[in-house]
Amino acid sequence: MIEGRSVTIFNTITKERALKNLEKFMTLSRDDLKHLPKRSRLGVDIIKYYQKNNIIETKGVKGVSYKEFAENLEYYKRKPYYNWFLQNSTHPDPVKQLFDMRFGFISIFRPLTTVQILEPINPRIVLDFTMGWGGRLIGCCYLQIEKYIGIDSNTKLKKGYVALEREMKKYSKTDIQLHFKNALSIDYSKFNYDCVLTSPPYFNTELYYNTDKKTDQEWVEQFYKPITIETYKHLCSGGHYILIIRENMYKEIFKDILGNYTKRLPFLKSSRNVKVVDPEYIYMWRKN
């Protein structure tokens, strides 16, 4: 186990704490929800609890997972930056902060952000073809969306999602359909959806189970282009296609596929006092 003041992601989130955190989020009124801090992570603890092992096994941009970092901590303690960072950090979990800043932060989509995106457009059925850890599912269930269709190739997520779905049914009537397979193997003509909301992987920044490392060109030709074309093709007329992507991805990839965006909104991520060179935005297209 890692030494230090605490290791938040491993042990401090108990099931009791996670369920209370979820209950607080799911039972908030719409008015109360609007008064939460814009970067509120309310509702995230349940994801960290059920997907803990998968999160810590995910490799960041430097190709190292938090689990590997923890298991080889004695090696990293000999690095000049280790002691300096721990002595100067005021973070409650300096070891985890060190990992995030040097090896890559594994992000979890906030349920509150999902609510903020979807509430103004009030969709009936949401397709999320790279559903990740579960933040968008929770947000859809809070809004009582008629149906949420989630897809992810990471089969290791299934156990956690089954448990999360069970908790969602206590608060929401949303029909949850989950598919743990390659998004390109799905026949989207069988779905009737009026909204796509997803945050596709940014090339090799985070490598999950069942995700192979690719060149940038392979990501474009073998994933971004075909999945975007196919899912947009079967989106209902008048529906919304929403991607949370970096600005360079919009300019170099998705603008050519989908055309100019209808609307662009800022995407607020947890601030770590790091200058963002290529910011992410919420890009929205309205299908005629």
Protein backbone atom coordinates (compact mmCIF):
# COMPACT_ATOMS: atom_id res chain seq x y z
CA MET A 1 0.00 0.00 0.00
CA ILE A 2 1.18 3.52 -0.76
CA GLU A 3 2.58 5.55 2.11
CA GLY A 4 1.50 9.15 2.57
CA ARG A 5 -1.27 11.22 4.02
CA SER A 6 -3.94 9.26 2.21
CA VAL A 7 -4.60 7.35 -0.98
CA THR A 8 -8.10 8.47 -1.84
CA ILE A 9 -8.78 6.21 -4.77
CA PHE A 10 -7.92 2.99 -2.90
CA ASN A 11 -9.58 2.90 0.48
CA THR A 12 -11.29 6.06 1.66
CA ILE A 13 -14.44 5.69 -0.46
CA THR A 14 -16.55 3.11 1.35
CA LYS A 15 -19.78 1.73 -0.05
CA GLU A 16 -21.72 3.62 2.61
CA ARG A 17 -20.10 6.91 1.63
CA ALA A 18 -20.62 6.23 -2.08
CA LEU A 19 -24.31 5.42 -1.64
CA LYS A 20 -24.92 8.51 0.49
CA ASN A 21 -23.15 10.64 -2.10
CA LEU A 22 -25.32 9.14 -4.84
CA GLU A 23 -28.51 9.59 -2.84
CA LYS A 24 -27.69 13.24 -2.27
CA PHE A 25 -27.23 13.80 -6.00
CA MET A 26 -30.26 11.83 -7.16
CA THR A 27 -32.66 13.44 -4.67
CA LEU A 28 -31.62 17.07 -5.21
CA SER A 29 -34.28 19.28 -6.73
CA ARG A 30 -33.54 20.89 -10.09
CA ASP A 31 -33.28 24.28 -8.36
CA ASP A 32 -30.82 22.95 -5.77
CA LEU A 33 -28.78 21.30 -8.51
CA LYS A 34 -28.37 24.66 -10.24
CA HIS A 35 -26.77 26.08 -7.11
CA LEU A 36 -24.04 23.43 -6.95
CA PRO A 37 -20.51 24.57 -7.84
CA LYS A 38 -20.01 24.22 -11.59
CA ARG A 39 -17.24 21.68 -11.05
CA SER A 40 -19.14 19.70 -8.40
CA ARG A 41 -18.22 16.02 -8.34
CA LEU A 42 -21.39 15.02 -6.52
CA GLY A 43 -22.42 11.57 -7.70
CA VAL A 44 -18.88 10.52 -8.70
CA ASP A 45 -18.05 8.50 -5.57
CA ILE A 46 -20.29 5.60 -6.63
CA ILE A 47 -18.28 5.32 -9.86
CA LYS A 48 -14.98 5.31 -7.99
CA TYR A 49 -16.34 2.64 -5.66
CA TYR A 50 -17.69 0.24 -8.30
CA GLN A 51 -15.01 0.85 -10.95
CA LYS A 52 -12.02 1.35 -8.63
CA ASN A 53 -9.93 -1.52 -9.96
CA ASN A 54 -10.56 -0.59 -13.59
CA ILE A 55 -9.67 3.05 -12.97
CA ILE A 56 -6.36 2.29 -11.29
CA GLU A 57 -5.43 -0.21 -14.03
CA THR A 58 -6.00 2.32 -16.84
CA LYS A 59 -2.78 3.57 -18.41
CA GLY A 60 -2.36 7.32 -18.70
CA VAL A 61 -0.60 9.32 -21.39
CA LYS A 62 2.86 8.11 -20.25
CA GLY A 63 1.81 4.46 -20.45
CA VAL A 64 1.78 3.88 -16.69
CA SER A 65 -1.28 2.96 -14.60
CA TYR A 66 -1.77 4.07 -11.00
CA LYS A 67 -1.64 0.42 -9.95
CA GLU A 68 1.79 0.01 -11.59
CA PHE A 69 2.95 3.25 -10.01
CA ALA A 70 1.84 2.04 -6.56
CA GLU A 71 3.43 -1.38 -6.95
CA ASN A 72 6.75 0.21 -7.95
CA LEU A 73 6.67 3.09 -5.51
CA GLU A 74 10.13 2.30 -4.09
CA TYR A 75 11.54 2.91 -7.56
CA TYR A 76 9.78 6.27 -7.91
CA LYS A 77 10.83 7.33 -4.41
CA ARG A 78 14.40 7.47 -5.70
CA LYS A 79 13.44 10.01 -8.34
CA PRO A 80 14.54 13.58 -7.51
CA TYR A 81 11.06 14.96 -8.01
CA TYR A 82 9.37 12.60 -5.51
CA ASN A 83 10.53 14.01 -2.16
CA TRP A 84 10.51 17.57 -3.45
CA PHE A 85 6.89 17.22 -4.55
CA LEU A 86 5.69 15.63 -1.31
CA GLN A 87 7.42 18.28 0.77
CA ASN A 88 5.90 21.15 -1.21
CA SER A 89 2.44 19.82 -1.98
CA THR A 90 -0.54 20.96 0.09
CA HIS A 91 -2.84 18.41 -1.54
CA PRO A 92 -4.52 15.94 0.88
CA ASP A 93 -3.27 13.06 -1.28
CA PRO A 94 0.12 14.25 -2.64
CA VAL A 95 1.14 10.86 -4.01
CA LYS A 96 -1.97 10.62 -6.18
CA GLN A 97 -1.52 14.24 -7.26
CA LEU A 98 2.07 13.49 -8.24
CA PHE A 99 0.92 10.58 -10.38
CA ASP A 100 -1.82 12.66 -12.04
CA MET A 101 0.57 15.46 -12.97
CA ARG A 102 3.48 13.32 -14.18
CA PHE A 103 1.76 10.30 -15.71
CA GLY A 104 -1.72 11.42 -16.69
CA PHE A 105 -4.99 12.13 -14.91
CA ILE A 106 -7.73 9.51 -15.49
CA SER A 107 -10.85 11.62 -15.85
CA ILE A 108 -14.39 10.71 -14.81
CA PHE A 109 -17.26 12.49 -16.53
CA ARG A 110 -19.34 14.31 -13.93
CA PRO A 111 -23.07 13.52 -13.67
CA LEU A 112 -23.74 17.24 -13.10
CA THR A 113 -22.16 18.07 -16.47
CA THR A 114 -24.52 15.59 -18.16
CA VAL A 115 -27.51 17.31 -16.57
CA GLN A 116 -26.25 20.74 -17.60
CA ILE A 117 -25.86 19.61 -21.21
CA LEU A 118 -29.09 17.66 -21.63
CA GLU A 119 -31.64 19.56 -19.55
CA PRO A 120 -32.03 22.44 -22.05
CA ILE A 121 -32.67 20.10 -25.01
CA ASN A 122 -34.80 17.49 -23.19
CA PRO A 123 -34.03 14.39 -25.30
CA ARG A 124 -36.02 11.16 -25.09
CA ILE A 125 -33.35 8.58 -25.91
CA VAL A 126 -29.61 9.09 -25.47
CA LEU A 127 -26.94 7.06 -27.25
CA ASP A 128 -23.50 7.00 -25.61
CA PHE A 129 -21.22 4.87 -27.79
CA THR A 130 -18.10 5.32 -25.63
CA MET A 131 -19.80 5.29 -22.22
CA GLY A 132 -16.66 5.11 -20.07
CA TRP A 133 -17.07 5.03 -16.31
CA GLY A 134 -20.77 5.87 -15.91
CA GLY A 135 -21.12 9.60 -15.27
CA ARG A 136 -23.42 10.18 -18.24
CA LEU A 137 -25.62 7.24 -17.23
CA ILE A 138 -26.12 8.76 -13.77
CA GLY A 139 -26.93 12.17 -15.25
CA CYS A 140 -29.48 10.67 -17.64
CA CYS A 141 -31.13 8.77 -14.80
CA TYR A 142 -31.34 11.95 -12.72
CA LEU A 143 -33.19 13.63 -15.59
CA GLN A 144 -35.49 10.59 -15.98
CA ILE A 145 -34.50 10.30 -19.65
CA GLU A 146 -36.75 7.70 -21.28
CA LYS A 147 -33.87 5.48 -22.41
CA TYR A 148 -30.09 5.42 -22.13
CA ILE A 149 -28.14 3.25 -24.58
CA GLY A 150 -24.54 2.77 -23.47
CA ILE A 151 -21.80 1.01 -25.42
CA ASP A 152 -18.21 0.22 -24.46
CA SER A 153 -15.67 -2.35 -25.61
CA ASN A 154 -14.21 -2.65 -22.10
CA THR A 155 -15.90 -5.84 -20.85
CA LYS A 156 -14.29 -5.42 -17.43
CA LEU A 157 -16.69 -2.54 -16.78
CA LYS A 158 -19.71 -4.84 -16.82
CA LYS A 159 -19.65 -5.92 -13.17
CA GLY A 160 -19.51 -2.33 -11.95
CA TYR A 161 -22.21 -1.21 -14.37
CA VAL A 162 -24.55 -4.01 -13.27
CA ALA A 163 -24.17 -2.79 -9.69
CA LEU A 164 -24.60 0.85 -10.76
CA GLU A 165 -27.72 0.01 -12.77
CA ARG A 166 -29.19 -1.65 -9.69
CA GLU A 167 -28.67 1.55 -7.70
CA MET A 168 -30.15 3.70 -10.47
CA LYS A 169 -33.40 1.75 -10.43
CA LYS A 170 -33.99 2.97 -6.87
CA TYR A 171 -34.29 6.54 -8.13
CA SER A 172 -35.08 6.49 -11.84
CA LYS A 173 -37.44 4.97 -14.40
CA THR A 174 -34.89 5.38 -17.19
CA ASP A 175 -34.68 2.27 -19.37
CA ILE A 176 -30.98 1.35 -19.31
CA GLN A 177 -29.55 -0.68 -22.21
CA LEU A 178 -25.88 -1.58 -21.93
CA HIS A 179 -23.74 -3.24 -24.61
CA PHE A 180 -20.19 -4.35 -23.83
CA LYS A 181 -18.77 -4.73 -27.31
CA ASN A 182 -16.94 -2.82 -30.01
CA ALA A 183 -19.04 0.21 -30.95
CA LEU A 184 -18.33 -0.44 -34.64
CA SER A 185 -19.99 -3.87 -34.42
CA ILE A 186 -23.38 -2.40 -33.45
CA ASP A 187 -26.26 -2.08 -35.91
CA TYR A 188 -27.46 1.44 -35.10
CA SER A 189 -30.42 1.20 -37.45
CA LYS A 190 -32.09 -0.95 -34.77
CA PHE A 191 -32.02 1.94 -32.29
CA ASN A 192 -34.32 4.92 -32.25
CA TYR A 193 -32.44 7.80 -30.62
CA ASP A 194 -32.78 11.56 -30.74
CA CYS A 195 -29.51 12.40 -29.00
CA VAL A 196 -25.90 11.26 -29.09
CA LEU A 197 -23.82 12.32 -26.11
CA THR A 198 -20.34 10.93 -25.64
CA SER A 199 -16.73 11.77 -24.93
CA PRO A 200 -14.60 9.68 -27.28
CA PRO A 201 -11.05 8.73 -26.33
CA TYR A 202 -8.36 11.24 -27.25
CA PHE A 203 -6.05 9.03 -29.30
CA ASN A 204 -3.78 7.10 -26.88
CA THR A 205 -4.13 9.47 -23.92
CA GLU A 206 -5.91 6.81 -21.82
CA LEU A 207 -5.60 3.13 -22.70
CA TYR A 208 -8.33 0.92 -21.25
CA TYR A 209 -8.79 -2.83 -21.27
CA ASN A 210 -9.60 -4.00 -24.83
CA THR A 211 -8.16 -0.77 -26.28
CA ASP A 212 -5.18 -1.19 -28.58
CA LYS A 213 -2.62 1.53 -29.09
CA LYS A 214 -2.97 3.08 -32.54
CA THR A 215 -1.32 5.75 -34.63
CA ASP A 216 -3.25 9.01 -34.93
CA GLN A 217 -4.15 8.15 -38.50
CA GLU A 218 -5.45 4.73 -37.46
CA TRP A 219 -7.62 6.35 -34.79
CA VAL A 220 -9.11 8.65 -37.42
CA GLU A 221 -9.66 6.11 -40.20
CA GLN A 222 -10.51 3.06 -38.07
CA PHE A 223 -12.61 4.67 -35.36
CA TYR A 224 -13.47 8.39 -35.36
CA LYS A 225 -14.68 8.58 -38.97
CA PRO A 226 -16.65 5.33 -39.26
CA ILE A 227 -18.34 5.56 -35.84
CA THR A 228 -19.32 9.20 -36.32
CA ILE A 229 -20.73 8.61 -39.80
CA GLU A 230 -22.72 5.57 -38.68
CA THR A 231 -24.16 7.03 -35.48
CA TYR A 232 -25.06 10.36 -37.11
CA LYS A 233 -26.71 8.55 -40.01
CA HIS A 234 -29.26 6.91 -37.73
CA LEU A 235 -29.86 9.90 -35.45
CA CYS A 236 -33.47 11.07 -35.64
CA SER A 237 -34.18 14.19 -37.68
CA GLY A 238 -34.09 17.19 -35.40
CA GLY A 239 -31.89 15.31 -32.93
CA HIS A 240 -28.72 16.54 -31.26
CA TYR A 241 -25.24 15.11 -31.79
CA ILE A 242 -22.99 16.12 -28.89
CA LEU A 243 -19.28 15.41 -28.50
CA ILE A 244 -16.90 16.48 -25.76
CA ILE A 245 -13.64 16.77 -27.67
CA ARG A 246 -10.52 18.88 -27.88
CA GLU A 247 -10.50 21.86 -30.20
CA ASN A 248 -7.89 20.36 -32.51
CA MET A 249 -10.03 17.22 -32.92
CA TYR A 250 -12.98 19.35 -34.05
CA LYS A 251 -10.87 21.32 -36.52
CA GLU A 252 -8.86 18.40 -37.93
CA ILE A 253 -11.37 15.52 -37.78
CA PHE A 254 -14.98 16.16 -36.88
CA LYS A 255 -15.57 19.39 -38.80
CA ASP A 256 -14.90 17.50 -42.04
CA ILE A 257 -17.38 14.77 -41.05
CA LEU A 258 -20.20 16.77 -39.44
CA GLY A 259 -19.67 20.30 -40.73
CA ASN A 260 -19.69 23.44 -38.64
CA TYR A 261 -21.04 22.97 -35.14
CA THR A 262 -24.43 24.39 -34.22
CA LYS A 263 -23.32 25.38 -30.73
CA ARG A 264 -20.17 25.22 -28.65
CA LEU A 265 -20.07 25.36 -24.86
CA PRO A 266 -17.14 25.43 -22.42
CA PHE A 267 -16.29 22.13 -20.78
CA LEU A 268 -15.29 22.70 -17.18
CA LYS A 269 -12.79 20.19 -15.84
CA SER A 270 -11.23 20.05 -12.42
CA SER A 271 -8.55 22.72 -12.23
CA ARG A 272 -5.05 21.45 -11.43
CA ASN A 273 -3.30 24.76 -12.09
CA VAL A 274 -2.00 23.44 -15.39
CA LYS A 275 -2.11 25.63 -18.48
CA VAL A 276 -4.40 24.03 -21.05
CA VAL A 277 -2.93 24.36 -24.52
CA ASP A 278 -5.68 22.48 -26.37
CA PRO A 279 -8.94 22.94 -24.41
CA GLU A 280 -11.94 20.66 -24.59
CA TYR A 281 -15.37 21.97 -25.53
CA ILE A 282 -18.89 20.61 -25.75
CA TYR A 283 -19.66 20.59 -29.47
CA MET A 284 -23.29 20.29 -30.55
CA TRP A 285 -24.78 19.64 -33.97
CA ARG A 286 -28.50 19.72 -34.77
CA LYS A 287 -29.56 17.28 -37.49
CA ASN A 288 -31.97 18.74 -40.04
